N, C-alpha and C. Protein backbone atom coordinates (compact mmCIF):
# COMPACT_ATOMS: atom_id res chain seq x y z
N MET A 1 -10.68 17.53 -45.32
CA MET A 1 -9.74 17.65 -46.42
C MET A 1 -10.45 18.23 -47.63
N SER A 2 -9.75 19.13 -48.34
CA SER A 2 -10.33 19.76 -49.51
C SER A 2 -9.84 19.10 -50.78
N CYS A 3 -10.65 19.21 -51.81
CA CYS A 3 -10.26 18.69 -53.11
C CYS A 3 -10.79 19.63 -54.18
N ALA A 4 -9.97 19.99 -55.15
CA ALA A 4 -10.39 20.83 -56.25
C ALA A 4 -10.51 19.99 -57.51
N ILE A 5 -11.65 20.12 -58.18
CA ILE A 5 -11.92 19.35 -59.39
C ILE A 5 -12.20 20.33 -60.52
N ALA A 6 -11.44 20.26 -61.59
CA ALA A 6 -11.69 21.13 -62.74
C ALA A 6 -12.69 20.44 -63.66
N LEU A 7 -13.87 21.05 -63.80
CA LEU A 7 -14.92 20.52 -64.65
C LEU A 7 -15.30 21.58 -65.67
N VAL A 8 -15.69 21.16 -66.84
CA VAL A 8 -16.04 22.11 -67.89
C VAL A 8 -17.50 21.94 -68.25
N ALA A 9 -18.25 23.03 -68.22
CA ALA A 9 -19.66 22.99 -68.62
C ALA A 9 -19.79 23.60 -70.01
N GLN A 10 -20.61 23.02 -70.85
CA GLN A 10 -20.79 23.51 -72.21
C GLN A 10 -22.25 23.89 -72.40
N ARG A 11 -22.45 24.97 -73.14
CA ARG A 11 -23.78 25.54 -73.27
C ARG A 11 -24.32 25.36 -74.68
N GLY A 12 -25.60 25.66 -74.85
CA GLY A 12 -26.18 25.69 -76.18
C GLY A 12 -27.38 24.77 -76.31
N GLY A 13 -28.32 25.20 -77.17
CA GLY A 13 -29.45 24.33 -77.49
C GLY A 13 -30.73 24.68 -76.76
N GLY A 14 -30.65 25.43 -75.66
CA GLY A 14 -31.85 25.80 -74.93
C GLY A 14 -32.30 24.73 -73.97
N PRO A 15 -33.13 25.10 -72.99
CA PRO A 15 -33.50 24.17 -71.92
C PRO A 15 -34.37 23.01 -72.35
N LEU A 16 -35.09 23.15 -73.47
CA LEU A 16 -36.00 22.08 -73.89
C LEU A 16 -35.30 21.00 -74.69
N GLN A 17 -34.10 21.28 -75.16
CA GLN A 17 -33.38 20.27 -75.94
C GLN A 17 -32.89 19.16 -75.02
N ARG A 18 -33.22 17.91 -75.38
CA ARG A 18 -32.81 16.76 -74.59
C ARG A 18 -31.62 16.11 -75.29
N ASP A 19 -30.45 16.25 -74.72
CA ASP A 19 -29.24 15.72 -75.34
C ASP A 19 -29.21 14.20 -75.28
N PRO A 20 -28.51 13.56 -76.22
CA PRO A 20 -28.27 12.12 -76.10
C PRO A 20 -27.44 11.83 -74.85
N ILE A 21 -27.75 10.75 -74.17
CA ILE A 21 -26.99 10.37 -72.97
C ILE A 21 -25.67 9.74 -73.41
N PRO A 22 -24.54 10.24 -72.94
CA PRO A 22 -23.24 9.69 -73.36
C PRO A 22 -23.10 8.22 -72.97
N ALA A 23 -22.42 7.48 -73.82
CA ALA A 23 -22.16 6.06 -73.53
C ALA A 23 -21.37 5.94 -72.23
N GLY A 24 -21.79 5.02 -71.39
CA GLY A 24 -21.09 4.78 -70.13
C GLY A 24 -21.54 5.65 -68.98
N SER A 25 -22.38 6.66 -69.25
CA SER A 25 -22.85 7.53 -68.17
C SER A 25 -23.82 6.77 -67.27
N ARG A 26 -23.64 6.94 -65.95
CA ARG A 26 -24.54 6.32 -64.99
C ARG A 26 -25.51 7.33 -64.38
N VAL A 27 -25.52 8.55 -64.91
CA VAL A 27 -26.47 9.55 -64.41
C VAL A 27 -27.88 9.12 -64.76
N GLN A 28 -28.77 9.20 -63.79
CA GLN A 28 -30.16 8.84 -64.01
C GLN A 28 -31.01 10.11 -64.12
N TYR A 29 -32.01 10.08 -65.01
CA TYR A 29 -32.88 11.23 -65.22
C TYR A 29 -34.30 10.85 -64.80
N LYS A 30 -34.82 11.59 -63.84
CA LYS A 30 -36.10 11.27 -63.24
C LYS A 30 -36.93 12.54 -63.08
N SER A 31 -38.08 12.43 -62.47
CA SER A 31 -38.92 13.59 -62.19
C SER A 31 -39.59 13.42 -60.84
N PHE A 32 -40.02 14.54 -60.28
CA PHE A 32 -40.80 14.52 -59.04
C PHE A 32 -41.88 15.58 -59.17
N HIS A 33 -42.93 15.43 -58.38
CA HIS A 33 -44.01 16.41 -58.44
C HIS A 33 -43.77 17.52 -57.43
N SER A 34 -43.80 18.74 -57.92
CA SER A 34 -43.69 19.92 -57.07
C SER A 34 -45.07 20.47 -56.77
N ALA A 35 -45.42 20.46 -55.50
CA ALA A 35 -46.70 21.07 -55.11
C ALA A 35 -46.64 22.59 -55.20
N LEU A 36 -45.44 23.16 -55.04
CA LEU A 36 -45.31 24.62 -55.04
C LEU A 36 -45.56 25.23 -56.41
N VAL A 37 -45.16 24.54 -57.47
CA VAL A 37 -45.43 25.06 -58.82
C VAL A 37 -46.45 24.20 -59.56
N ASN A 38 -46.96 23.19 -58.88
CA ASN A 38 -48.06 22.35 -59.38
C ASN A 38 -47.75 21.70 -60.72
N ARG A 39 -46.55 21.11 -60.80
CA ARG A 39 -46.20 20.34 -61.99
C ARG A 39 -45.02 19.42 -61.69
N ASP A 40 -44.81 18.48 -62.57
CA ASP A 40 -43.67 17.59 -62.45
C ASP A 40 -42.41 18.30 -62.93
N LEU A 41 -41.32 18.11 -62.19
CA LEU A 41 -40.04 18.72 -62.54
C LEU A 41 -39.00 17.63 -62.75
N ASN A 42 -38.18 17.79 -63.77
CA ASN A 42 -37.11 16.84 -64.03
C ASN A 42 -35.93 17.07 -63.08
N TYR A 43 -35.17 16.03 -62.89
CA TYR A 43 -33.90 16.17 -62.18
C TYR A 43 -32.94 15.08 -62.62
N ALA A 44 -31.67 15.32 -62.37
CA ALA A 44 -30.63 14.33 -62.64
C ALA A 44 -30.01 13.91 -61.32
N ILE A 45 -29.63 12.65 -61.23
CA ILE A 45 -28.99 12.14 -60.02
C ILE A 45 -27.78 11.31 -60.41
N TYR A 46 -26.62 11.68 -59.88
CA TYR A 46 -25.40 10.91 -60.06
C TYR A 46 -25.17 10.12 -58.78
N LEU A 47 -25.18 8.79 -58.92
CA LEU A 47 -24.92 7.92 -57.79
C LEU A 47 -23.51 7.34 -57.94
N PRO A 48 -22.70 7.38 -56.92
CA PRO A 48 -21.30 6.94 -57.05
C PRO A 48 -21.19 5.44 -57.37
N PRO A 49 -20.02 5.00 -57.83
CA PRO A 49 -19.87 3.63 -58.30
C PRO A 49 -20.27 2.54 -57.32
N SER A 50 -20.06 2.75 -56.03
CA SER A 50 -20.36 1.69 -55.06
C SER A 50 -21.79 1.72 -54.55
N TYR A 51 -22.61 2.68 -55.04
CA TYR A 51 -23.93 2.88 -54.45
C TYR A 51 -24.78 1.62 -54.50
N GLU A 52 -24.80 0.94 -55.63
CA GLU A 52 -25.69 -0.22 -55.81
C GLU A 52 -25.24 -1.45 -55.03
N THR A 53 -24.00 -1.48 -54.61
CA THR A 53 -23.48 -2.67 -53.93
C THR A 53 -23.19 -2.44 -52.45
N SER A 54 -23.57 -1.28 -51.94
CA SER A 54 -23.31 -0.98 -50.53
C SER A 54 -24.60 -0.56 -49.84
N THR A 55 -24.52 -0.39 -48.54
CA THR A 55 -25.66 0.10 -47.77
C THR A 55 -25.33 1.42 -47.08
N LYS A 56 -24.15 1.96 -47.33
CA LYS A 56 -23.74 3.17 -46.62
C LYS A 56 -24.43 4.41 -47.17
N LYS A 57 -24.38 5.48 -46.38
CA LYS A 57 -24.92 6.76 -46.80
C LYS A 57 -23.78 7.65 -47.31
N TYR A 58 -24.11 8.54 -48.24
CA TYR A 58 -23.09 9.31 -48.94
C TYR A 58 -23.29 10.82 -48.75
N PRO A 59 -22.19 11.59 -48.78
CA PRO A 59 -22.33 13.05 -48.87
C PRO A 59 -23.05 13.42 -50.16
N VAL A 60 -23.54 14.65 -50.21
CA VAL A 60 -24.31 15.07 -51.39
C VAL A 60 -23.90 16.48 -51.81
N LEU A 61 -23.83 16.67 -53.11
CA LEU A 61 -23.63 17.99 -53.71
C LEU A 61 -24.86 18.32 -54.54
N TYR A 62 -25.48 19.46 -54.27
CA TYR A 62 -26.58 19.95 -55.09
C TYR A 62 -26.00 20.94 -56.09
N PHE A 63 -26.20 20.65 -57.38
CA PHE A 63 -25.65 21.50 -58.43
C PHE A 63 -26.78 22.18 -59.19
N LEU A 64 -26.68 23.50 -59.36
CA LEU A 64 -27.74 24.31 -59.98
C LEU A 64 -27.29 24.73 -61.38
N HIS A 65 -28.11 24.40 -62.39
CA HIS A 65 -27.74 24.69 -63.77
C HIS A 65 -27.89 26.16 -64.10
N GLY A 66 -27.37 26.55 -65.27
CA GLY A 66 -27.34 27.94 -65.66
C GLY A 66 -28.54 28.38 -66.48
N LEU A 67 -28.49 29.65 -66.88
CA LEU A 67 -29.54 30.28 -67.66
C LEU A 67 -29.75 29.53 -68.97
N ASN A 68 -31.01 29.25 -69.28
CA ASN A 68 -31.39 28.54 -70.51
C ASN A 68 -30.74 27.17 -70.63
N GLU A 69 -30.45 26.54 -69.51
CA GLU A 69 -29.90 25.19 -69.49
C GLU A 69 -30.90 24.25 -68.82
N ASN A 70 -30.48 23.01 -68.59
CA ASN A 70 -31.33 22.05 -67.90
C ASN A 70 -30.48 21.07 -67.11
N GLU A 71 -31.12 20.09 -66.52
CA GLU A 71 -30.43 19.17 -65.61
C GLU A 71 -29.48 18.21 -66.31
N MET A 72 -29.55 18.12 -67.65
CA MET A 72 -28.74 17.16 -68.39
C MET A 72 -27.33 17.66 -68.69
N ARG A 73 -27.15 18.97 -68.82
CA ARG A 73 -25.93 19.51 -69.41
C ARG A 73 -24.68 19.25 -68.59
N TRP A 74 -24.82 19.12 -67.28
CA TRP A 74 -23.68 18.82 -66.40
C TRP A 74 -22.95 17.57 -66.89
N SER A 75 -23.71 16.60 -67.37
CA SER A 75 -23.13 15.36 -67.88
C SER A 75 -23.00 15.36 -69.39
N THR A 76 -24.07 15.72 -70.11
CA THR A 76 -24.08 15.54 -71.56
C THR A 76 -23.15 16.50 -72.28
N ARG A 77 -22.97 17.72 -71.74
CA ARG A 77 -22.08 18.68 -72.38
C ARG A 77 -20.75 18.79 -71.64
N GLY A 78 -20.78 18.66 -70.32
CA GLY A 78 -19.57 18.83 -69.54
C GLY A 78 -18.81 17.55 -69.24
N GLY A 79 -19.50 16.40 -69.30
CA GLY A 79 -18.85 15.13 -68.97
C GLY A 79 -18.37 15.05 -67.55
N ALA A 80 -19.03 15.79 -66.65
CA ALA A 80 -18.55 15.88 -65.27
C ALA A 80 -18.64 14.55 -64.53
N ASP A 81 -19.67 13.76 -64.84
CA ASP A 81 -19.79 12.47 -64.15
C ASP A 81 -18.64 11.54 -64.51
N ALA A 82 -18.17 11.59 -65.77
CA ALA A 82 -17.04 10.77 -66.17
C ALA A 82 -15.77 11.20 -65.45
N VAL A 83 -15.63 12.52 -65.24
CA VAL A 83 -14.48 13.03 -64.48
C VAL A 83 -14.52 12.51 -63.05
N LEU A 84 -15.68 12.56 -62.43
CA LEU A 84 -15.81 12.07 -61.05
C LEU A 84 -15.51 10.58 -60.98
N ASP A 85 -16.05 9.79 -61.92
CA ASP A 85 -15.77 8.36 -61.92
C ASP A 85 -14.27 8.09 -61.98
N LYS A 86 -13.57 8.82 -62.82
CA LYS A 86 -12.13 8.63 -62.98
C LYS A 86 -11.38 8.98 -61.70
N LEU A 87 -11.71 10.10 -61.10
CA LEU A 87 -11.02 10.53 -59.88
C LEU A 87 -11.30 9.59 -58.72
N ILE A 88 -12.53 9.08 -58.65
CA ILE A 88 -12.87 8.11 -57.60
C ILE A 88 -12.08 6.83 -57.82
N ALA A 89 -12.01 6.36 -59.06
CA ALA A 89 -11.28 5.12 -59.36
C ALA A 89 -9.80 5.26 -59.04
N GLU A 90 -9.26 6.46 -59.20
CA GLU A 90 -7.85 6.71 -58.91
C GLU A 90 -7.59 6.98 -57.43
N GLY A 91 -8.65 7.02 -56.62
CA GLY A 91 -8.50 7.26 -55.19
C GLY A 91 -8.19 8.69 -54.83
N LYS A 92 -8.43 9.62 -55.75
CA LYS A 92 -8.11 11.02 -55.50
C LYS A 92 -9.21 11.76 -54.75
N ILE A 93 -10.44 11.27 -54.83
CA ILE A 93 -11.55 11.85 -54.09
C ILE A 93 -12.41 10.72 -53.54
N GLY A 94 -13.22 11.04 -52.55
CA GLY A 94 -14.18 10.09 -52.03
C GLY A 94 -15.45 10.11 -52.86
N GLU A 95 -16.35 9.20 -52.56
CA GLU A 95 -17.61 9.10 -53.29
C GLU A 95 -18.67 10.03 -52.69
N PHE A 96 -19.49 10.59 -53.56
CA PHE A 96 -20.61 11.42 -53.12
C PHE A 96 -21.66 11.44 -54.20
N ILE A 97 -22.86 11.82 -53.82
CA ILE A 97 -24.00 11.93 -54.73
C ILE A 97 -24.05 13.36 -55.29
N VAL A 98 -24.46 13.50 -56.55
CA VAL A 98 -24.71 14.81 -57.13
C VAL A 98 -26.17 14.85 -57.59
N ALA A 99 -26.91 15.87 -57.17
CA ALA A 99 -28.32 16.02 -57.53
C ALA A 99 -28.53 17.37 -58.20
N ILE A 100 -29.22 17.36 -59.36
CA ILE A 100 -29.37 18.56 -60.16
C ILE A 100 -30.84 18.76 -60.52
N PRO A 101 -31.50 19.77 -59.96
CA PRO A 101 -32.90 20.02 -60.32
C PRO A 101 -33.00 20.83 -61.61
N ALA A 102 -34.06 20.60 -62.37
CA ALA A 102 -34.37 21.45 -63.53
C ALA A 102 -35.43 22.45 -63.11
N VAL A 103 -35.09 23.74 -63.21
CA VAL A 103 -36.04 24.80 -62.84
C VAL A 103 -36.31 25.64 -64.08
N ASP A 104 -37.24 26.58 -63.97
CA ASP A 104 -37.47 27.49 -65.08
C ASP A 104 -36.16 28.15 -65.49
N SER A 105 -35.93 28.25 -66.79
CA SER A 105 -34.60 28.56 -67.28
C SER A 105 -34.13 29.98 -66.98
N GLN A 106 -35.03 30.87 -66.55
CA GLN A 106 -34.61 32.21 -66.16
C GLN A 106 -35.11 32.56 -64.75
N SER A 107 -35.22 31.54 -63.92
CA SER A 107 -35.78 31.74 -62.58
C SER A 107 -34.82 32.38 -61.61
N PHE A 108 -33.51 32.21 -61.82
CA PHE A 108 -32.48 32.65 -60.90
C PHE A 108 -32.68 32.08 -59.49
N TYR A 109 -33.39 30.95 -59.42
CA TYR A 109 -33.59 30.26 -58.14
C TYR A 109 -34.12 31.22 -57.08
N THR A 110 -35.04 32.07 -57.52
CA THR A 110 -35.57 33.14 -56.68
C THR A 110 -37.08 33.00 -56.57
N ASN A 111 -37.62 33.27 -55.39
CA ASN A 111 -39.07 33.29 -55.20
C ASN A 111 -39.66 34.55 -55.82
N ALA A 112 -40.54 34.38 -56.80
CA ALA A 112 -41.16 35.52 -57.46
C ALA A 112 -42.13 36.22 -56.51
N ARG A 113 -42.23 37.54 -56.67
CA ARG A 113 -43.21 38.28 -55.89
C ARG A 113 -44.61 37.77 -56.23
N GLY A 114 -45.44 37.65 -55.22
CA GLY A 114 -46.79 37.15 -55.43
C GLY A 114 -46.93 35.67 -55.20
N GLY A 115 -45.80 34.96 -55.10
CA GLY A 115 -45.84 33.55 -54.74
C GLY A 115 -46.11 32.58 -55.86
N GLY A 116 -46.22 33.07 -57.11
CA GLY A 116 -46.57 32.17 -58.20
C GLY A 116 -45.46 31.28 -58.69
N ALA A 117 -44.22 31.67 -58.44
CA ALA A 117 -43.07 30.90 -58.92
C ALA A 117 -41.97 30.88 -57.86
N PRO A 118 -42.17 30.12 -56.79
CA PRO A 118 -41.24 30.14 -55.65
C PRO A 118 -40.05 29.18 -55.86
N TRP A 119 -39.13 29.53 -56.76
CA TRP A 119 -38.10 28.58 -57.17
C TRP A 119 -37.06 28.32 -56.10
N GLU A 120 -36.77 29.29 -55.27
CA GLU A 120 -35.88 29.03 -54.12
C GLU A 120 -36.51 27.99 -53.21
N ASP A 121 -37.79 28.16 -52.91
CA ASP A 121 -38.48 27.21 -52.03
C ASP A 121 -38.58 25.82 -52.66
N VAL A 122 -38.72 25.78 -53.99
CA VAL A 122 -38.76 24.47 -54.66
C VAL A 122 -37.48 23.70 -54.38
N VAL A 123 -36.34 24.39 -54.45
CA VAL A 123 -35.06 23.72 -54.18
C VAL A 123 -34.92 23.34 -52.72
N VAL A 124 -35.16 24.32 -51.84
CA VAL A 124 -34.88 24.13 -50.41
C VAL A 124 -35.93 23.27 -49.72
N LYS A 125 -37.20 23.50 -50.03
CA LYS A 125 -38.27 22.85 -49.27
C LYS A 125 -38.82 21.59 -49.93
N GLU A 126 -38.55 21.42 -51.23
CA GLU A 126 -39.09 20.24 -51.93
C GLU A 126 -37.98 19.34 -52.48
N PHE A 127 -37.08 19.91 -53.28
CA PHE A 127 -36.11 19.07 -53.97
C PHE A 127 -35.13 18.42 -53.00
N ILE A 128 -34.53 19.21 -52.12
CA ILE A 128 -33.56 18.64 -51.19
C ILE A 128 -34.20 17.58 -50.28
N PRO A 129 -35.35 17.84 -49.66
CA PRO A 129 -35.98 16.78 -48.85
C PRO A 129 -36.33 15.55 -49.67
N MET A 130 -36.77 15.73 -50.92
CA MET A 130 -37.09 14.58 -51.76
C MET A 130 -35.85 13.73 -52.01
N VAL A 131 -34.75 14.36 -52.37
CA VAL A 131 -33.51 13.62 -52.62
C VAL A 131 -33.06 12.87 -51.37
N GLU A 132 -33.13 13.53 -50.24
CA GLU A 132 -32.58 12.94 -49.02
C GLU A 132 -33.49 11.90 -48.40
N SER A 133 -34.73 11.84 -48.85
CA SER A 133 -35.62 10.76 -48.40
C SER A 133 -35.69 9.62 -49.42
N THR A 134 -35.24 9.86 -50.64
CA THR A 134 -35.30 8.85 -51.70
C THR A 134 -34.00 8.08 -51.82
N TYR A 135 -32.88 8.76 -51.62
CA TYR A 135 -31.57 8.15 -51.80
C TYR A 135 -30.83 8.09 -50.46
N ARG A 136 -29.80 7.27 -50.41
CA ARG A 136 -29.05 7.09 -49.17
C ARG A 136 -28.05 8.24 -49.00
N VAL A 137 -28.58 9.35 -48.54
CA VAL A 137 -27.79 10.56 -48.33
C VAL A 137 -27.47 10.69 -46.85
N ASN A 138 -26.22 11.00 -46.55
CA ASN A 138 -25.83 11.35 -45.20
C ASN A 138 -26.24 12.81 -44.98
N ALA A 139 -27.45 12.99 -44.52
CA ALA A 139 -28.10 14.30 -44.55
C ALA A 139 -27.74 15.15 -43.34
N THR A 140 -26.48 15.56 -43.29
CA THR A 140 -26.03 16.47 -42.26
C THR A 140 -25.41 17.69 -42.92
N ARG A 141 -25.31 18.78 -42.18
CA ARG A 141 -24.69 19.99 -42.73
C ARG A 141 -23.26 19.71 -43.17
N ALA A 142 -22.52 18.92 -42.40
CA ALA A 142 -21.11 18.66 -42.70
C ALA A 142 -20.91 17.90 -44.00
N THR A 143 -21.95 17.20 -44.45
CA THR A 143 -21.81 16.37 -45.65
C THR A 143 -22.76 16.81 -46.77
N ARG A 144 -23.17 18.08 -46.70
CA ARG A 144 -24.06 18.65 -47.73
C ARG A 144 -23.43 19.92 -48.29
N ALA A 145 -23.32 20.00 -49.63
CA ALA A 145 -22.74 21.17 -50.29
C ALA A 145 -23.65 21.61 -51.42
N ILE A 146 -23.47 22.85 -51.88
CA ILE A 146 -24.25 23.37 -53.00
C ILE A 146 -23.33 24.14 -53.92
N SER A 147 -23.60 24.03 -55.21
CA SER A 147 -22.76 24.68 -56.21
C SER A 147 -23.63 25.02 -57.42
N GLY A 148 -23.09 25.80 -58.34
CA GLY A 148 -23.84 26.12 -59.54
C GLY A 148 -23.00 26.92 -60.51
N ILE A 149 -23.50 27.03 -61.74
CA ILE A 149 -22.80 27.77 -62.78
C ILE A 149 -23.72 28.85 -63.35
N SER A 150 -23.15 30.02 -63.62
CA SER A 150 -23.88 31.13 -64.22
C SER A 150 -25.10 31.48 -63.34
N MET A 151 -26.31 31.39 -63.86
CA MET A 151 -27.49 31.63 -63.04
C MET A 151 -27.49 30.74 -61.80
N GLY A 152 -27.02 29.50 -61.96
CA GLY A 152 -26.95 28.59 -60.82
C GLY A 152 -25.89 28.98 -59.81
N GLY A 153 -24.84 29.68 -60.27
CA GLY A 153 -23.86 30.21 -59.32
C GLY A 153 -24.47 31.27 -58.43
N TYR A 154 -25.29 32.13 -59.03
CA TYR A 154 -26.05 33.10 -58.23
C TYR A 154 -26.95 32.37 -57.23
N GLY A 155 -27.67 31.36 -57.73
CA GLY A 155 -28.58 30.61 -56.86
C GLY A 155 -27.87 29.91 -55.73
N SER A 156 -26.72 29.31 -56.02
CA SER A 156 -26.02 28.57 -54.96
C SER A 156 -25.51 29.51 -53.87
N LEU A 157 -24.96 30.65 -54.27
CA LEU A 157 -24.48 31.62 -53.27
C LEU A 157 -25.64 32.14 -52.42
N LYS A 158 -26.72 32.51 -53.08
CA LYS A 158 -27.86 33.09 -52.35
C LYS A 158 -28.47 32.07 -51.39
N ILE A 159 -28.70 30.85 -51.89
CA ILE A 159 -29.33 29.84 -51.04
C ILE A 159 -28.44 29.46 -49.87
N ALA A 160 -27.14 29.31 -50.12
CA ALA A 160 -26.23 28.96 -49.03
C ALA A 160 -26.16 30.06 -47.98
N MET A 161 -26.14 31.31 -48.42
CA MET A 161 -26.06 32.42 -47.47
C MET A 161 -27.36 32.59 -46.68
N LYS A 162 -28.49 32.26 -47.31
CA LYS A 162 -29.77 32.36 -46.61
C LYS A 162 -30.03 31.16 -45.71
N HIS A 163 -29.35 30.05 -45.98
CA HIS A 163 -29.57 28.83 -45.21
C HIS A 163 -28.24 28.23 -44.77
N PRO A 164 -27.45 28.98 -43.98
CA PRO A 164 -26.12 28.49 -43.58
C PRO A 164 -26.18 27.26 -42.69
N GLU A 165 -27.32 27.03 -42.08
CA GLU A 165 -27.47 25.85 -41.24
C GLU A 165 -27.55 24.57 -42.05
N MET A 166 -27.74 24.69 -43.37
CA MET A 166 -27.92 23.51 -44.21
C MET A 166 -26.64 23.05 -44.89
N PHE A 167 -25.71 24.00 -45.20
CA PHE A 167 -24.59 23.67 -46.08
C PHE A 167 -23.25 23.97 -45.41
N SER A 168 -22.31 23.04 -45.58
CA SER A 168 -20.96 23.26 -45.08
C SER A 168 -20.04 23.83 -46.14
N ALA A 169 -20.46 23.80 -47.40
CA ALA A 169 -19.62 24.30 -48.48
C ALA A 169 -20.49 24.84 -49.60
N VAL A 170 -19.98 25.89 -50.27
CA VAL A 170 -20.68 26.47 -51.42
C VAL A 170 -19.63 26.92 -52.41
N SER A 171 -19.93 26.77 -53.71
CA SER A 171 -19.05 27.34 -54.74
C SER A 171 -19.92 27.87 -55.86
N ALA A 172 -19.36 28.83 -56.61
CA ALA A 172 -20.07 29.43 -57.73
C ALA A 172 -19.10 29.57 -58.89
N HIS A 173 -19.54 29.23 -60.09
CA HIS A 173 -18.67 29.19 -61.25
C HIS A 173 -19.25 30.07 -62.34
N SER A 174 -18.44 31.05 -62.81
CA SER A 174 -18.92 32.05 -63.76
C SER A 174 -20.26 32.61 -63.27
N ALA A 175 -20.32 32.93 -61.99
CA ALA A 175 -21.60 33.30 -61.38
C ALA A 175 -22.17 34.58 -61.98
N ALA A 176 -23.45 34.55 -62.30
CA ALA A 176 -24.16 35.74 -62.77
C ALA A 176 -24.68 36.46 -61.54
N LEU A 177 -24.00 37.51 -61.12
CA LEU A 177 -24.34 38.20 -59.88
C LEU A 177 -25.26 39.37 -60.18
N VAL A 178 -26.50 39.25 -59.73
CA VAL A 178 -27.53 40.25 -59.97
C VAL A 178 -27.74 41.03 -58.69
N PRO A 179 -27.51 42.36 -58.69
CA PRO A 179 -27.62 43.12 -57.46
C PRO A 179 -29.02 43.16 -56.88
N SER A 180 -30.04 43.20 -57.75
CA SER A 180 -31.41 43.23 -57.26
C SER A 180 -32.35 42.95 -58.42
N PHE A 181 -33.56 42.48 -58.07
CA PHE A 181 -34.63 42.33 -59.05
C PHE A 181 -35.74 43.31 -58.68
N ASP A 182 -36.33 43.96 -59.68
CA ASP A 182 -37.50 44.78 -59.39
C ASP A 182 -38.62 44.41 -60.35
N SER A 183 -39.76 45.03 -60.17
CA SER A 183 -40.94 44.62 -60.92
C SER A 183 -40.86 45.00 -62.40
N THR A 184 -39.89 45.85 -62.76
CA THR A 184 -39.81 46.29 -64.15
C THR A 184 -38.62 45.69 -64.89
N THR A 185 -37.82 44.91 -64.19
CA THR A 185 -36.60 44.37 -64.79
C THR A 185 -36.65 42.86 -64.73
N SER A 186 -36.56 42.22 -65.89
CA SER A 186 -36.54 40.75 -65.90
C SER A 186 -35.20 40.25 -65.43
N ALA A 187 -35.16 38.99 -65.02
CA ALA A 187 -33.90 38.40 -64.55
C ALA A 187 -32.84 38.48 -65.62
N ALA A 188 -33.20 38.16 -66.87
CA ALA A 188 -32.19 38.12 -67.92
C ALA A 188 -31.68 39.52 -68.26
N SER A 189 -32.59 40.50 -68.43
CA SER A 189 -32.14 41.83 -68.83
C SER A 189 -31.49 42.57 -67.67
N GLY A 190 -31.77 42.15 -66.43
CA GLY A 190 -31.16 42.80 -65.28
C GLY A 190 -29.82 42.22 -64.90
N LEU A 191 -29.33 41.29 -65.70
CA LEU A 191 -28.11 40.57 -65.36
C LEU A 191 -26.89 41.48 -65.42
N LYS A 192 -26.08 41.42 -64.37
CA LYS A 192 -24.79 42.09 -64.37
C LYS A 192 -23.76 41.09 -63.86
N ARG A 193 -22.72 40.91 -64.62
CA ARG A 193 -21.70 39.92 -64.27
C ARG A 193 -20.54 40.60 -63.54
N SER A 194 -20.14 40.05 -62.41
CA SER A 194 -19.00 40.55 -61.67
C SER A 194 -17.72 39.94 -62.22
N LYS A 195 -16.79 40.79 -62.67
CA LYS A 195 -15.56 40.26 -63.25
C LYS A 195 -14.75 39.48 -62.23
N ARG A 196 -14.73 39.95 -61.00
CA ARG A 196 -13.94 39.25 -59.98
C ARG A 196 -14.48 37.87 -59.70
N SER A 197 -15.79 37.70 -59.85
CA SER A 197 -16.42 36.43 -59.49
C SER A 197 -16.64 35.51 -60.69
N SER A 198 -16.28 35.97 -61.88
CA SER A 198 -16.47 35.13 -63.07
C SER A 198 -15.31 34.16 -63.19
N ILE A 199 -15.59 32.88 -63.11
CA ILE A 199 -14.58 31.84 -63.19
C ILE A 199 -14.86 31.04 -64.44
N GLU A 200 -13.98 31.06 -65.41
CA GLU A 200 -14.28 30.46 -66.70
C GLU A 200 -14.25 28.93 -66.66
N SER A 201 -13.43 28.35 -65.80
CA SER A 201 -13.49 26.90 -65.61
C SER A 201 -14.26 26.62 -64.33
N MET A 202 -14.89 25.47 -64.28
CA MET A 202 -15.60 25.09 -63.07
C MET A 202 -14.61 24.47 -62.11
N GLU A 203 -14.21 25.20 -61.09
CA GLU A 203 -13.29 24.66 -60.10
C GLU A 203 -14.13 24.33 -58.88
N LEU A 204 -14.44 23.09 -58.74
CA LEU A 204 -15.44 22.64 -57.77
C LEU A 204 -14.77 22.40 -56.44
N ILE A 205 -15.08 23.20 -55.45
CA ILE A 205 -14.44 23.10 -54.15
C ILE A 205 -15.36 22.26 -53.24
N LEU A 206 -14.84 21.14 -52.77
CA LEU A 206 -15.66 20.20 -52.01
C LEU A 206 -15.00 19.86 -50.69
N PRO A 207 -14.85 20.79 -49.76
CA PRO A 207 -14.26 20.44 -48.47
C PRO A 207 -15.13 19.46 -47.72
N GLY A 208 -14.49 18.49 -47.09
CA GLY A 208 -15.21 17.56 -46.22
C GLY A 208 -15.86 16.40 -46.92
N LEU A 209 -15.75 16.32 -48.28
CA LEU A 209 -16.41 15.25 -48.98
C LEU A 209 -15.49 14.07 -49.25
N ARG A 210 -14.22 14.19 -48.88
CA ARG A 210 -13.30 13.05 -49.05
C ARG A 210 -13.56 12.06 -47.93
N THR A 211 -13.63 10.76 -48.26
CA THR A 211 -13.89 9.74 -47.26
C THR A 211 -12.65 8.92 -47.01
C-alpha cells in the first residue's frame, strides 16, 4: 500500500549552524566514526513512537539533506517528525525509522576522483550498515527506502539506481539534477535544475511501509 506525505523543508543558516531542537521532538542526534573519511560524522535518527516499548523491527527510510544543509533541518526547519507522529497517531500510516546522515555540504553524495572523499560509499557501505546494526531495522529490500531533497534528491536517485538490490522505493524532492561532474567544474557551479523534476513540496512516496 502506498502513502503520500506532504512535508516542507526549510533552508538557511548553512551546514554548521545547529538549530534549537523543537519542543516535543523525539529525533535523536548522534555521531559515528567513518573510516572512509577518517572522522566522526553526525546523523539524526527518528524512532517511531512504539520503538522504546516494543521488540519488533521497523522499516527504514534514509533521507539525504540538501546543499549547504545538515542532518537537523528535516526536523528543526521542516517539522517532518511532528507530521509523522501525527499521521501515525491517526492511523494513516504505519511506523518506520528515518535516518539522516550529515555529509559534506556540497558532496552531492558522490565519490570524488582519487578516493579522498567517497561520500556515496560513506552512505552505502558505512552509514546504512551502522544504522541497521545499531537499531531494530527490518533490513530487507522490501522495507528499505531512500529519499532526499535538492542535492539529496540527486543523491537518492543516483544511489537507488546504482544499488537497486537495496531499495524498494526512492523519491526525490526539488532534485538538483547534475548531468555530469568533471575536474574543472565544482558540484555547486555545475548545478543544473530540471524543471520537470523540481517538486516544490516534499511529497514523500513510501510504498510498502504501511503496517
